[in-house]
Amino acid sequence: MMSLRQKPGATHIATEFALAHLSALVRAVRPTKVLEFGVGIGTISQLLLSHPNTIEAVNSTESNRFCIEALTAQFCDHFPQHFELITDPELLDLERQYFDLVVIDGLLEPGQFDALQRDSFCFVEGSRKSTRKTITKELQRRNLTIKFENYNRGVRYFDWSMQFPDGRARKSPKFKFRKILKGCWVGKVSGMTHT
């Protein structure tokens, strides 16, 4: 079987580091219903559906035609009772469903933030700073809150310096940068505390 990283469309696949943290989260909170936004070619879905702590239902959204075809062939036949692929987010009825865990690996439409309810966990793959900020704001509007914990692979430092036209590096100015290596964010939704 071809690994997911080798498949077409795997350019923004979840890191092994993030998958390990998601697996640990599933082991700790034992969710029964999971909603995944932005399933792509199914890296995270594969982990959820084959996890030793069986999840009753994994609902995943995806609108990319290539990904839909890959997912249909890969998951709908193998996990028909546990996997539901939602290709039209308008059909997602968030008012009548509760999800123990919401996994975000893509962009969310405004109404989709309602998937996060009190006591549900949120797993955000990668940085997605603007998504996390919007989640916090949308939850506050509903008198809910979330505190995200960052799990990253550390920091990589690198230098950048100007070069002369002949290729020799100038001694100054030299700039030092740091880049936080991609990981994930985890939080639990709770009610706002009033002081």
C-alpha atoms as a PDB file:
ATOM      1  CA  MET A   1       0.000   0.000   0.000  1.00  0.00           C
ATOM      2  CA  MET A   2       1.331   3.442  -0.959  1.00  0.00           C
ATOM      3  CA  SER A   3       1.990   5.761   2.005  1.00  0.00           C
ATOM      4  CA  LEU A   4      -0.136   8.917   2.188  1.00  0.00           C
ATOM      5  CA  ARG A   5       2.949  11.134   1.736  1.00  0.00           C
ATOM      6  CA  GLN A   6       3.557   9.551  -1.688  1.00  0.00           C
ATOM      7  CA  LYS A   7       0.058  10.224  -2.985  1.00  0.00           C
ATOM      8  CA  PRO A   8      -0.816  13.153  -5.238  1.00  0.00           C
ATOM      9  CA  GLY A   9      -2.191  16.100  -3.260  1.00  0.00           C
ATOM     10  CA  ALA A  10      -0.032  15.377  -0.209  1.00  0.00           C
ATOM     11  CA  THR A  11       1.782  18.728  -0.255  1.00  0.00           C
ATOM     12  CA  HIS A  12       0.241  19.970   3.005  1.00  0.00           C
ATOM     13  CA  ILE A  13      -0.081  16.663   4.819  1.00  0.00           C
ATOM     14  CA  ALA A  14      -0.151  16.617   8.633  1.00  0.00           C
ATOM     15  CA  THR A  15       3.234  16.087  10.261  1.00  0.00           C
ATOM     16  CA  GLU A  16       4.067  12.888  12.116  1.00  0.00           C
ATOM     17  CA  PHE A  17       4.621  15.082  15.184  1.00  0.00           C
ATOM     18  CA  ALA A  18       1.047  16.453  15.015  1.00  0.00           C
ATOM     19  CA  LEU A  19      -0.360  12.971  14.357  1.00  0.00           C
ATOM     20  CA  ALA A  20       1.415  11.631  17.463  1.00  0.00           C
ATOM     21  CA  HIS A  21      -0.166  14.392  19.574  1.00  0.00           C
ATOM     22  CA  LEU A  22      -3.592  13.741  18.066  1.00  0.00           C
ATOM     23  CA  SER A  23      -3.231  10.030  18.823  1.00  0.00           C
ATOM     24  CA  ALA A  24      -2.330  10.837  22.441  1.00  0.00           C
ATOM     25  CA  LEU A  25      -5.330  13.183  22.687  1.00  0.00           C
ATOM     26  CA  VAL A  26      -7.691  10.473  21.379  1.00  0.00           C
ATOM     27  CA  ARG A  27      -6.210   8.034  23.889  1.00  0.00           C
ATOM     28  CA  ALA A  28      -6.708  10.533  26.755  1.00  0.00           C
ATOM     29  CA  VAL A  29     -10.214  11.894  26.012  1.00  0.00           C
ATOM     30  CA  ARG A  30     -11.734   8.841  24.230  1.00  0.00           C
ATOM     31  CA  PRO A  31     -14.063  10.751  21.891  1.00  0.00           C
ATOM     32  CA  THR A  32     -17.084   8.984  20.422  1.00  0.00           C
ATOM     33  CA  LYS A  33     -17.937  11.545  17.703  1.00  0.00           C
ATOM     34  CA  VAL A  34     -15.306  13.505  15.803  1.00  0.00           C
ATOM     35  CA  LEU A  35     -15.732  16.251  13.223  1.00  0.00           C
ATOM     36  CA  GLU A  36     -12.780  16.942  10.947  1.00  0.00           C
ATOM     37  CA  PHE A  37     -12.686  20.108   8.842  1.00  0.00           C
ATOM     38  CA  GLY A  38     -10.432  19.913   5.788  1.00  0.00           C
ATOM     39  CA  VAL A  39      -9.824  16.180   5.473  1.00  0.00           C
ATOM     40  CA  GLY A  40      -7.607  16.498   2.357  1.00  0.00           C
ATOM     41  CA  ILE A  41      -6.434  13.039   1.294  1.00  0.00           C
ATOM     42  CA  GLY A  42      -7.183  11.542   4.710  1.00  0.00           C
ATOM     43  CA  THR A  43      -4.018  11.458   6.805  1.00  0.00           C
ATOM     44  CA  ILE A  44      -5.818  12.497   9.992  1.00  0.00           C
ATOM     45  CA  SER A  45      -8.927  10.457   9.132  1.00  0.00           C
ATOM     46  CA  GLN A  46      -6.753   7.359   8.730  1.00  0.00           C
ATOM     47  CA  LEU A  47      -5.384   7.867  12.235  1.00  0.00           C
ATOM     48  CA  LEU A  48      -8.844   8.456  13.734  1.00  0.00           C
ATOM     49  CA  LEU A  49     -10.470   5.475  12.027  1.00  0.00           C
ATOM     50  CA  SER A  50      -7.697   3.008  12.834  1.00  0.00           C
ATOM     51  CA  HIS A  51      -6.982   4.216  16.400  1.00  0.00           C
ATOM     52  CA  PRO A  52      -7.113   1.463  19.084  1.00  0.00           C
ATOM     53  CA  ASN A  53      -9.685   3.557  20.988  1.00  0.00           C
ATOM     54  CA  THR A  54     -12.549   3.018  18.575  1.00  0.00           C
ATOM     55  CA  ILE A  55     -14.403   6.171  17.547  1.00  0.00           C
ATOM     56  CA  GLU A  56     -18.083   5.608  16.741  1.00  0.00           C
ATOM     57  CA  ALA A  57     -18.332   8.287  14.050  1.00  0.00           C
ATOM     58  CA  VAL A  58     -15.858  10.401  12.101  1.00  0.00           C
ATOM     59  CA  ASN A  59     -17.556  13.136  10.069  1.00  0.00           C
ATOM     60  CA  SER A  60     -15.169  14.816   7.638  1.00  0.00           C
ATOM     61  CA  THR A  61     -15.650  17.789   5.346  1.00  0.00           C
ATOM     62  CA  GLU A  62     -13.930  18.200   1.996  1.00  0.00           C
ATOM     63  CA  SER A  63     -14.861  20.067  -1.183  1.00  0.00           C
ATOM     64  CA  ASN A  64     -11.815  19.427  -3.400  1.00  0.00           C
ATOM     65  CA  ARG A  65     -12.842  17.023  -6.209  1.00  0.00           C
ATOM     66  CA  PHE A  66      -9.478  15.185  -6.312  1.00  0.00           C
ATOM     67  CA  CYS A  67      -9.534  14.627  -2.541  1.00  0.00           C
ATOM     68  CA  ILE A  68     -13.174  13.496  -2.594  1.00  0.00           C
ATOM     69  CA  GLU A  69     -12.393  10.782  -5.150  1.00  0.00           C
ATOM     70  CA  ALA A  70      -9.361   9.591  -3.159  1.00  0.00           C
ATOM     71  CA  LEU A  71     -11.318   9.563   0.109  1.00  0.00           C
ATOM     72  CA  THR A  72     -14.313   7.751  -1.333  1.00  0.00           C
ATOM     73  CA  ALA A  73     -12.113   4.939  -2.607  1.00  0.00           C
ATOM     74  CA  GLN A  74      -9.993   4.751   0.531  1.00  0.00           C
ATOM     75  CA  PHE A  75     -12.406   5.175   3.452  1.00  0.00           C
ATOM     76  CA  CYS A  76     -16.053   4.774   2.461  1.00  0.00           C
ATOM     77  CA  ASP A  77     -15.531   1.108   1.524  1.00  0.00           C
ATOM     78  CA  HIS A  78     -13.260   0.217   4.462  1.00  0.00           C
ATOM     79  CA  PHE A  79     -15.053   2.080   7.273  1.00  0.00           C
ATOM     80  CA  PRO A  80     -18.669   2.406   6.060  1.00  0.00           C
ATOM     81  CA  GLN A  81     -20.224   2.476   9.556  1.00  0.00           C
ATOM     82  CA  HIS A  82     -17.741   4.931  11.058  1.00  0.00           C
ATOM     83  CA  PHE A  83     -16.867   7.416   8.287  1.00  0.00           C
ATOM     84  CA  GLU A  84     -19.103  10.063   6.731  1.00  0.00           C
ATOM     85  CA  LEU A  85     -17.694  12.345   4.058  1.00  0.00           C
ATOM     86  CA  ILE A  86     -19.511  15.667   3.830  1.00  0.00           C
ATOM     87  CA  THR A  87     -18.817  17.329   0.488  1.00  0.00           C
ATOM     88  CA  ASP A  88     -21.259  20.204   0.966  1.00  0.00           C
ATOM     89  CA  PRO A  89     -20.676  21.992   4.302  1.00  0.00           C
ATOM     90  CA  GLU A  90     -24.192  23.481   4.001  1.00  0.00           C
ATOM     91  CA  LEU A  91     -25.536  19.998   4.801  1.00  0.00           C
ATOM     92  CA  LEU A  92     -23.722  19.892   8.133  1.00  0.00           C
ATOM     93  CA  ASP A  93     -26.357  20.339  10.854  1.00  0.00           C
ATOM     94  CA  LEU A  94     -24.313  21.621  13.797  1.00  0.00           C
ATOM     95  CA  GLU A  95     -27.308  22.599  15.923  1.00  0.00           C
ATOM     96  CA  ARG A  96     -28.406  18.975  16.389  1.00  0.00           C
ATOM     97  CA  GLN A  97     -25.042  17.278  16.757  1.00  0.00           C
ATOM     98  CA  TYR A  98     -22.425  17.252  19.501  1.00  0.00           C
ATOM     99  CA  PHE A  99     -18.822  16.379  18.740  1.00  0.00           C
ATOM    100  CA  ASP A 100     -16.389  15.374  21.502  1.00  0.00           C
ATOM    101  CA  LEU A 101     -13.478  16.388  19.292  1.00  0.00           C
ATOM    102  CA  VAL A 102     -13.249  18.901  16.442  1.00  0.00           C
ATOM    103  CA  VAL A 103     -10.152  18.613  14.250  1.00  0.00           C
ATOM    104  CA  ILE A 104      -9.238  21.615  12.134  1.00  0.00           C
ATOM    105  CA  ASP A 105      -6.878  21.105   9.216  1.00  0.00           C
ATOM    106  CA  GLY A 106      -8.346  23.651   6.824  1.00  0.00           C
ATOM    107  CA  LEU A 107     -10.298  26.870   6.589  1.00  0.00           C
ATOM    108  CA  LEU A 108     -13.629  27.241   8.356  1.00  0.00           C
ATOM    109  CA  GLU A 109     -16.725  29.039   7.148  1.00  0.00           C
ATOM    110  CA  PRO A 110     -18.368  31.417   9.677  1.00  0.00           C
ATOM    111  CA  GLY A 111     -21.169  29.052  10.841  1.00  0.00           C
ATOM    112  CA  GLN A 112     -18.812  26.097  11.250  1.00  0.00           C
ATOM    113  CA  PHE A 113     -17.339  27.463  14.485  1.00  0.00           C
ATOM    114  CA  ASP A 114     -20.621  26.389  16.125  1.00  0.00           C
ATOM    115  CA  ALA A 115     -19.287  22.809  16.033  1.00  0.00           C
ATOM    116  CA  LEU A 116     -17.309  23.706  19.149  1.00  0.00           C
ATOM    117  CA  GLN A 117     -19.543  23.232  22.181  1.00  0.00           C
ATOM    118  CA  ARG A 118     -18.910  23.242  25.921  1.00  0.00           C
ATOM    119  CA  ASP A 119     -16.571  20.364  26.921  1.00  0.00           C
ATOM    120  CA  SER A 120     -15.564  19.529  23.347  1.00  0.00           C
ATOM    121  CA  PHE A 121     -11.884  19.404  22.502  1.00  0.00           C
ATOM    122  CA  CYS A 122     -10.341  21.253  19.570  1.00  0.00           C
ATOM    123  CA  PHE A 123      -7.231  20.045  17.737  1.00  0.00           C
ATOM    124  CA  VAL A 124      -5.670  22.506  15.269  1.00  0.00           C
ATOM    125  CA  GLU A 125      -3.019  21.065  12.962  1.00  0.00           C
ATOM    126  CA  GLY A 126      -0.212  23.504  12.178  1.00  0.00           C
ATOM    127  CA  SER A 127      -0.090  27.134  13.256  1.00  0.00           C
ATOM    128  CA  ARG A 128      -3.294  28.636  11.821  1.00  0.00           C
ATOM    129  CA  LYS A 129      -2.995  31.739  13.997  1.00  0.00           C
ATOM    130  CA  SER A 130      -5.910  33.554  12.372  1.00  0.00           C
ATOM    131  CA  THR A 131      -8.132  30.451  12.728  1.00  0.00           C
ATOM    132  CA  ARG A 132      -7.315  30.159  16.438  1.00  0.00           C
ATOM    133  CA  LYS A 133      -7.983  33.867  16.939  1.00  0.00           C
ATOM    134  CA  THR A 134     -11.361  33.591  15.188  1.00  0.00           C
ATOM    135  CA  ILE A 135     -12.267  30.487  17.210  1.00  0.00           C
ATOM    136  CA  THR A 136     -11.580  32.371  20.443  1.00  0.00           C
ATOM    137  CA  LYS A 137     -13.630  35.357  19.273  1.00  0.00           C
ATOM    138  CA  GLU A 138     -16.564  33.228  18.076  1.00  0.00           C
ATOM    139  CA  LEU A 139     -16.628  31.272  21.342  1.00  0.00           C
ATOM    140  CA  GLN A 140     -16.613  34.491  23.402  1.00  0.00           C
ATOM    141  CA  ARG A 141     -19.659  35.629  21.437  1.00  0.00           C
ATOM    142  CA  ARG A 142     -21.427  32.508  22.788  1.00  0.00           C
ATOM    143  CA  ASN A 143     -20.082  32.975  26.370  1.00  0.00           C
ATOM    144  CA  LEU A 144     -17.595  30.157  25.914  1.00  0.00           C
ATOM    145  CA  THR A 145     -13.823  30.150  26.070  1.00  0.00           C
ATOM    146  CA  ILE A 146     -10.864  28.028  25.027  1.00  0.00           C
ATOM    147  CA  LYS A 147      -7.226  28.060  26.050  1.00  0.00           C
ATOM    148  CA  PHE A 148      -5.008  26.537  23.393  1.00  0.00           C
ATOM    149  CA  GLU A 149      -1.806  24.721  24.351  1.00  0.00           C
ATOM    150  CA  ASN A 150       0.950  24.771  21.755  1.00  0.00           C
ATOM    151  CA  TYR A 151       2.850  21.614  20.925  1.00  0.00           C
ATOM    152  CA  ASN A 152       5.645  22.320  18.453  1.00  0.00           C
ATOM    153  CA  ARG A 153       8.835  20.626  17.360  1.00  0.00           C
ATOM    154  CA  GLY A 154      11.049  23.399  18.703  1.00  0.00           C
ATOM    155  CA  VAL A 155      12.782  26.317  17.055  1.00  0.00           C
ATOM    156  CA  ARG A 156      15.166  26.434  14.110  1.00  0.00           C
ATOM    157  CA  TYR A 157      17.585  29.347  13.969  1.00  0.00           C
ATOM    158  CA  PHE A 158      19.041  30.594  10.725  1.00  0.00           C
ATOM    159  CA  ASP A 159      21.154  33.516   9.575  1.00  0.00           C
ATOM    160  CA  TRP A 160      20.757  35.751   6.603  1.00  0.00           C
ATOM    161  CA  SER A 161      23.451  38.069   5.344  1.00  0.00           C
ATOM    162  CA  MET A 162      23.977  40.239   2.302  1.00  0.00           C
ATOM    163  CA  GLN A 163      26.363  39.122  -0.411  1.00  0.00           C
ATOM    164  CA  PHE A 164      28.679  41.069  -2.647  1.00  0.00           C
ATOM    165  CA  PRO A 165      28.055  40.713  -6.400  1.00  0.00           C
ATOM    166  CA  ASP A 166      31.021  38.297  -6.624  1.00  0.00           C
ATOM    167  CA  GLY A 167      29.353  35.920  -4.130  1.00  0.00           C
ATOM    168  CA  ARG A 168      31.431  36.761  -1.031  1.00  0.00           C
ATOM    169  CA  ALA A 169      29.350  37.214   2.116  1.00  0.00           C
ATOM    170  CA  ARG A 170      29.445  40.589   3.839  1.00  0.00           C
ATOM    171  CA  LYS A 171      30.343  40.517   7.506  1.00  0.00           C
ATOM    172  CA  SER A 172      27.545  42.940   8.284  1.00  0.00           C
ATOM    173  CA  PRO A 173      24.702  43.421   8.316  1.00  0.00           C
ATOM    174  CA  LYS A 174      23.861  39.885   9.367  1.00  0.00           C
ATOM    175  CA  PHE A 175      20.405  39.027  10.629  1.00  0.00           C
ATOM    176  CA  LYS A 176      19.452  36.139  12.896  1.00  0.00           C
ATOM    177  CA  PHE A 177      15.971  34.674  12.534  1.00  0.00           C
ATOM    178  CA  ARG A 178      14.081  32.001  14.360  1.00  0.00           C
ATOM    179  CA  LYS A 179      11.300  29.854  13.016  1.00  0.00           C
ATOM    180  CA  ILE A 180       9.005  27.797  15.225  1.00  0.00           C
ATOM    181  CA  LEU A 181       8.674  24.398  13.601  1.00  0.00           C
ATOM    182  CA  LYS A 182       5.131  23.348  12.726  1.00  0.00           C
ATOM    183  CA  GLY A 183       3.253  21.362  15.322  1.00  0.00           C
ATOM    184  CA  CYS A 184      -0.302  21.578  16.640  1.00  0.00           C
ATOM    185  CA  TRP A 185      -2.593  23.290  19.157  1.00  0.00           C
ATOM    186  CA  VAL A 186      -5.025  21.627  21.564  1.00  0.00           C
ATOM    187  CA  GLY A 187      -7.742  23.215  23.678  1.00  0.00           C
ATOM    188  CA  LYS A 188     -10.918  22.373  25.562  1.00  0.00           C
ATOM    189  CA  VAL A 189     -14.044  24.542  25.330  1.00  0.00           C
ATOM    190  CA  SER A 190     -15.465  25.718  28.640  1.00  0.00           C
ATOM    191  CA  GLY A 191     -17.866  28.319  29.990  1.00  0.00           C
ATOM    192  CA  MET A 192     -16.588  31.816  30.650  1.00  0.00           C
ATOM    193  CA  THR A 193     -15.659  32.565  34.241  1.00  0.00           C
ATOM    194  CA  HIS A 194     -17.189  35.777  35.502  1.00  0.00           C
ATOM    195  CA  THR A 195     -15.328  37.814  38.088  1.00  0.00           C
END
